[in-house]
């Protein structure tokens, strides 16, 4: 493996960074909104599952208690 000097390394890094396709402001905004929507839907889902399990267990324990 050939070693590169620091100047070549920096030039290679700059060349690779130039290839990166950065997201637009609109894309970042839409992605952020989608993350918040999905997090909210996930929270609602787990709340409902928890409510269902709790109600089922209380009903089951009520029969035997």
N, C-alpha and C. Protein backbone atom coordinates (compact mmCIF):
# COMPACT_ATOMS: atom_id res chain seq x y z
N UNK A 1 0.85 -1.19 0.00
CA UNK A 1 0.00 0.00 0.00
C UNK A 1 0.89 1.24 0.00
N UNK A 2 0.70 2.09 -0.97
CA UNK A 2 1.51 3.29 -1.10
C UNK A 2 1.04 4.35 -0.13
N UNK A 3 1.97 5.06 0.44
CA UNK A 3 1.61 6.14 1.36
C UNK A 3 1.48 7.43 0.56
N UNK A 4 0.60 8.27 1.02
CA UNK A 4 0.42 9.57 0.36
C UNK A 4 0.82 10.65 1.34
N UNK A 5 1.32 11.71 0.80
CA UNK A 5 1.69 12.81 1.70
C UNK A 5 0.43 13.59 2.07
N UNK A 6 0.50 14.41 3.11
CA UNK A 6 -0.69 15.13 3.57
C UNK A 6 -1.34 16.01 2.50
N UNK A 7 -0.57 16.59 1.63
CA UNK A 7 -1.14 17.45 0.58
C UNK A 7 -1.98 16.63 -0.40
N UNK A 8 -1.48 15.46 -0.81
CA UNK A 8 -2.25 14.60 -1.69
C UNK A 8 -3.52 14.11 -1.00
N UNK A 9 -3.39 13.78 0.29
CA UNK A 9 -4.55 13.32 1.04
C UNK A 9 -5.64 14.38 1.06
N UNK A 10 -5.27 15.62 1.34
CA UNK A 10 -6.25 16.71 1.38
C UNK A 10 -6.88 16.91 0.01
N UNK A 11 -6.07 16.82 -1.05
CA UNK A 11 -6.62 16.96 -2.40
C UNK A 11 -7.61 15.83 -2.71
N UNK A 12 -7.30 14.62 -2.29
CA UNK A 12 -8.19 13.49 -2.52
C UNK A 12 -9.49 13.65 -1.73
N UNK A 13 -9.38 14.13 -0.51
CA UNK A 13 -10.58 14.35 0.31
C UNK A 13 -11.46 15.42 -0.33
N UNK A 14 -10.87 16.49 -0.78
CA UNK A 14 -11.65 17.55 -1.43
C UNK A 14 -12.33 17.04 -2.70
N UNK A 15 -11.64 16.18 -3.44
CA UNK A 15 -12.21 15.62 -4.67
C UNK A 15 -13.41 14.73 -4.32
N UNK A 16 -13.32 13.94 -3.26
CA UNK A 16 -14.42 13.07 -2.86
C UNK A 16 -15.60 13.88 -2.32
N UNK A 17 -15.31 14.92 -1.55
CA UNK A 17 -16.39 15.77 -1.02
C UNK A 17 -17.11 16.49 -2.16
N UNK A 18 -16.39 16.82 -3.20
CA UNK A 18 -17.02 17.49 -4.35
C UNK A 18 -18.01 16.56 -5.05
N UNK A 19 -17.86 15.24 -4.91
CA UNK A 19 -18.77 14.28 -5.54
C UNK A 19 -20.07 14.10 -4.77
N UNK A 20 -20.08 14.55 -3.53
CA UNK A 20 -21.26 14.36 -2.68
C UNK A 20 -22.41 15.21 -3.21
N UNK A 21 -23.59 14.61 -3.30
CA UNK A 21 -24.78 15.36 -3.71
C UNK A 21 -25.51 15.77 -2.43
N UNK A 22 -25.42 17.03 -2.10
CA UNK A 22 -26.01 17.52 -0.86
C UNK A 22 -27.51 17.74 -1.06
N UNK A 23 -28.33 17.42 -0.05
CA UNK A 23 -29.77 17.62 -0.19
C UNK A 23 -30.12 19.11 -0.21
N UNK A 24 -31.21 19.41 -0.89
CA UNK A 24 -31.68 20.80 -0.92
C UNK A 24 -32.39 21.11 0.39
N UNK A 25 -32.62 22.37 0.62
CA UNK A 25 -33.32 22.79 1.84
C UNK A 25 -34.72 22.17 1.89
N UNK A 26 -35.37 22.08 0.74
CA UNK A 26 -36.73 21.50 0.67
C UNK A 26 -36.69 20.01 1.02
N UNK A 27 -35.69 19.30 0.51
CA UNK A 27 -35.56 17.87 0.83
C UNK A 27 -35.33 17.65 2.32
N UNK A 28 -34.49 18.48 2.92
CA UNK A 28 -34.23 18.36 4.35
C UNK A 28 -35.51 18.63 5.13
N UNK A 29 -36.26 19.65 4.73
CA UNK A 29 -37.50 20.00 5.42
C UNK A 29 -38.51 18.86 5.32
N UNK A 30 -38.69 18.31 4.11
CA UNK A 30 -39.66 17.23 3.92
C UNK A 30 -39.25 15.97 4.68
N UNK A 31 -37.98 15.66 4.69
CA UNK A 31 -37.50 14.50 5.44
C UNK A 31 -37.74 14.69 6.93
N UNK A 32 -37.49 15.88 7.44
CA UNK A 32 -37.71 16.17 8.85
C UNK A 32 -39.18 16.03 9.21
N UNK A 33 -40.06 16.56 8.36
CA UNK A 33 -41.49 16.45 8.60
C UNK A 33 -41.92 14.98 8.61
N UNK A 34 -41.41 14.20 7.68
CA UNK A 34 -41.74 12.78 7.62
C UNK A 34 -41.27 12.04 8.87
N UNK A 35 -40.11 12.39 9.38
CA UNK A 35 -39.62 11.76 10.61
C UNK A 35 -40.55 12.07 11.77
N UNK A 36 -40.99 13.32 11.89
CA UNK A 36 -41.91 13.69 12.97
C UNK A 36 -43.25 12.97 12.82
N UNK A 37 -43.74 12.85 11.59
CA UNK A 37 -45.01 12.15 11.36
C UNK A 37 -44.87 10.68 11.74
N UNK A 38 -43.81 10.03 11.29
CA UNK A 38 -43.61 8.62 11.60
C UNK A 38 -43.41 8.40 13.10
N UNK A 39 -42.71 9.29 13.77
CA UNK A 39 -42.52 9.17 15.22
C UNK A 39 -43.85 9.31 15.94
N UNK A 40 -44.70 10.22 15.49
CA UNK A 40 -46.02 10.40 16.09
C UNK A 40 -46.89 9.17 15.87
N UNK A 41 -46.90 8.65 14.65
CA UNK A 41 -47.69 7.45 14.37
C UNK A 41 -47.20 6.26 15.18
N UNK A 42 -45.90 6.12 15.33
CA UNK A 42 -45.34 5.03 16.13
C UNK A 42 -45.73 5.18 17.59
N UNK A 43 -45.69 6.39 18.11
CA UNK A 43 -46.08 6.63 19.50
C UNK A 43 -47.55 6.29 19.71
N UNK A 44 -48.41 6.69 18.78
CA UNK A 44 -49.84 6.38 18.89
C UNK A 44 -50.07 4.87 18.83
N UNK A 45 -49.37 4.18 17.92
CA UNK A 45 -49.50 2.73 17.81
C UNK A 45 -49.13 2.04 19.13
N UNK A 46 -47.98 2.39 19.70
CA UNK A 46 -47.56 1.75 20.94
C UNK A 46 -48.46 2.12 22.11
N UNK A 47 -49.00 3.33 22.10
CA UNK A 47 -49.96 3.71 23.14
C UNK A 47 -51.20 2.82 23.07
N UNK A 48 -51.70 2.61 21.85
CA UNK A 48 -52.89 1.77 21.69
C UNK A 48 -52.61 0.31 22.03
N UNK A 49 -51.46 -0.20 21.65
CA UNK A 49 -51.10 -1.57 22.01
C UNK A 49 -50.98 -1.70 23.52
N UNK A 50 -50.35 -0.74 24.17
CA UNK A 50 -50.23 -0.75 25.63
C UNK A 50 -51.61 -0.70 26.29
N UNK A 51 -52.49 0.13 25.77
CA UNK A 51 -53.84 0.25 26.31
C UNK A 51 -54.59 -1.07 26.17
N UNK A 52 -54.46 -1.72 25.02
CA UNK A 52 -55.12 -3.00 24.77
C UNK A 52 -54.59 -4.08 25.71
N UNK A 53 -53.28 -4.16 25.86
CA UNK A 53 -52.70 -5.17 26.75
C UNK A 53 -53.11 -4.91 28.20
N UNK A 54 -53.06 -3.64 28.62
CA UNK A 54 -53.43 -3.30 29.99
C UNK A 54 -54.89 -3.64 30.26
N UNK A 55 -55.78 -3.31 29.32
CA UNK A 55 -57.20 -3.61 29.50
C UNK A 55 -57.44 -5.11 29.54
N UNK A 56 -56.74 -5.84 28.68
CA UNK A 56 -56.87 -7.29 28.66
C UNK A 56 -56.39 -7.92 29.96
N UNK A 57 -55.28 -7.46 30.46
CA UNK A 57 -54.77 -8.00 31.71
C UNK A 57 -55.65 -7.64 32.89
N UNK A 58 -56.18 -6.42 32.93
CA UNK A 58 -57.07 -6.03 34.01
C UNK A 58 -58.35 -6.86 33.97
N UNK A 59 -58.88 -7.10 32.78
CA UNK A 59 -60.07 -7.94 32.64
C UNK A 59 -59.79 -9.37 33.06
N UNK A 60 -58.66 -9.90 32.67
CA UNK A 60 -58.28 -11.26 33.02
C UNK A 60 -58.05 -11.40 34.53
N UNK A 61 -57.38 -10.45 35.10
CA UNK A 61 -57.12 -10.49 36.54
C UNK A 61 -58.39 -10.23 37.33
N UNK A 62 -59.31 -9.46 36.76
CA UNK A 62 -60.59 -9.20 37.41
C UNK A 62 -61.44 -10.47 37.53
N UNK A 63 -61.29 -11.37 36.58
CA UNK A 63 -62.03 -12.62 36.63
C UNK A 63 -61.55 -13.52 37.78
N UNK A 64 -60.27 -13.46 38.05
CA UNK A 64 -59.69 -14.34 39.06
C UNK A 64 -59.44 -13.65 40.39
N UNK A 65 -59.63 -12.36 40.44
CA UNK A 65 -59.31 -11.64 41.67
C UNK A 65 -60.52 -11.28 42.39
